[in-house]
């Protein structure tokens, strides 16, 4: 089964459509014999997706030691803090390098016995991004019948922002996953579906 997603954004109003197609002749025949199950579409949708055309801000530490890592805290494009996630070892000097879409950020590493113990932000710069963005939101539960020309549509009234783009993408990806699982469930059946049983995936 092939799935196609269409995401249209007009001033913050998103229409997201997922189309399924590409059932084999044998699968079409099995659907005629066993019925077309109802697929649950709704509930909590969550995931991480990359904002379009944005790069993640990466903090790297160079020097004569190894193993040090750090992560930037970003607010409105400005780096407000850098948290050391691993202090590494063997450093007698270290330089903090910040890369990404922004510019102007500068930071200094604090050393203690060869270990990076802290990083101080000297200049927060501007224009920095954190990707992927973590998206989680809830929609009313709904059911749709799975068939070869099965369309699922959802309209979002969201502000026109990169995070809204991400929400629409998460919704579409979740529906694709549920439709794919529902089809696998249907094709694995050896007897007809009874009544209006909902296929929960």
Foldseek 3Di string as FASTA:
>chain_A
DDKDWDWDDDQQKIKIKIWAADDDPVLQVLCVAFHWAKEKAWFKFKDWDWQPPWWAKAKDKDADWDDWGWDFDDDQFFGPFIGTPFFTFDGPAIAIDIDTQWDDWGKGFDDDRGTGDGIGTPGRTGDHDHGRDIDMDGDDMDIFTDDNGGMDIDIDRGHPDSVSVVVSVRSNVVVVVRNVVSSVVSVPDPHHDPDHDYDYD
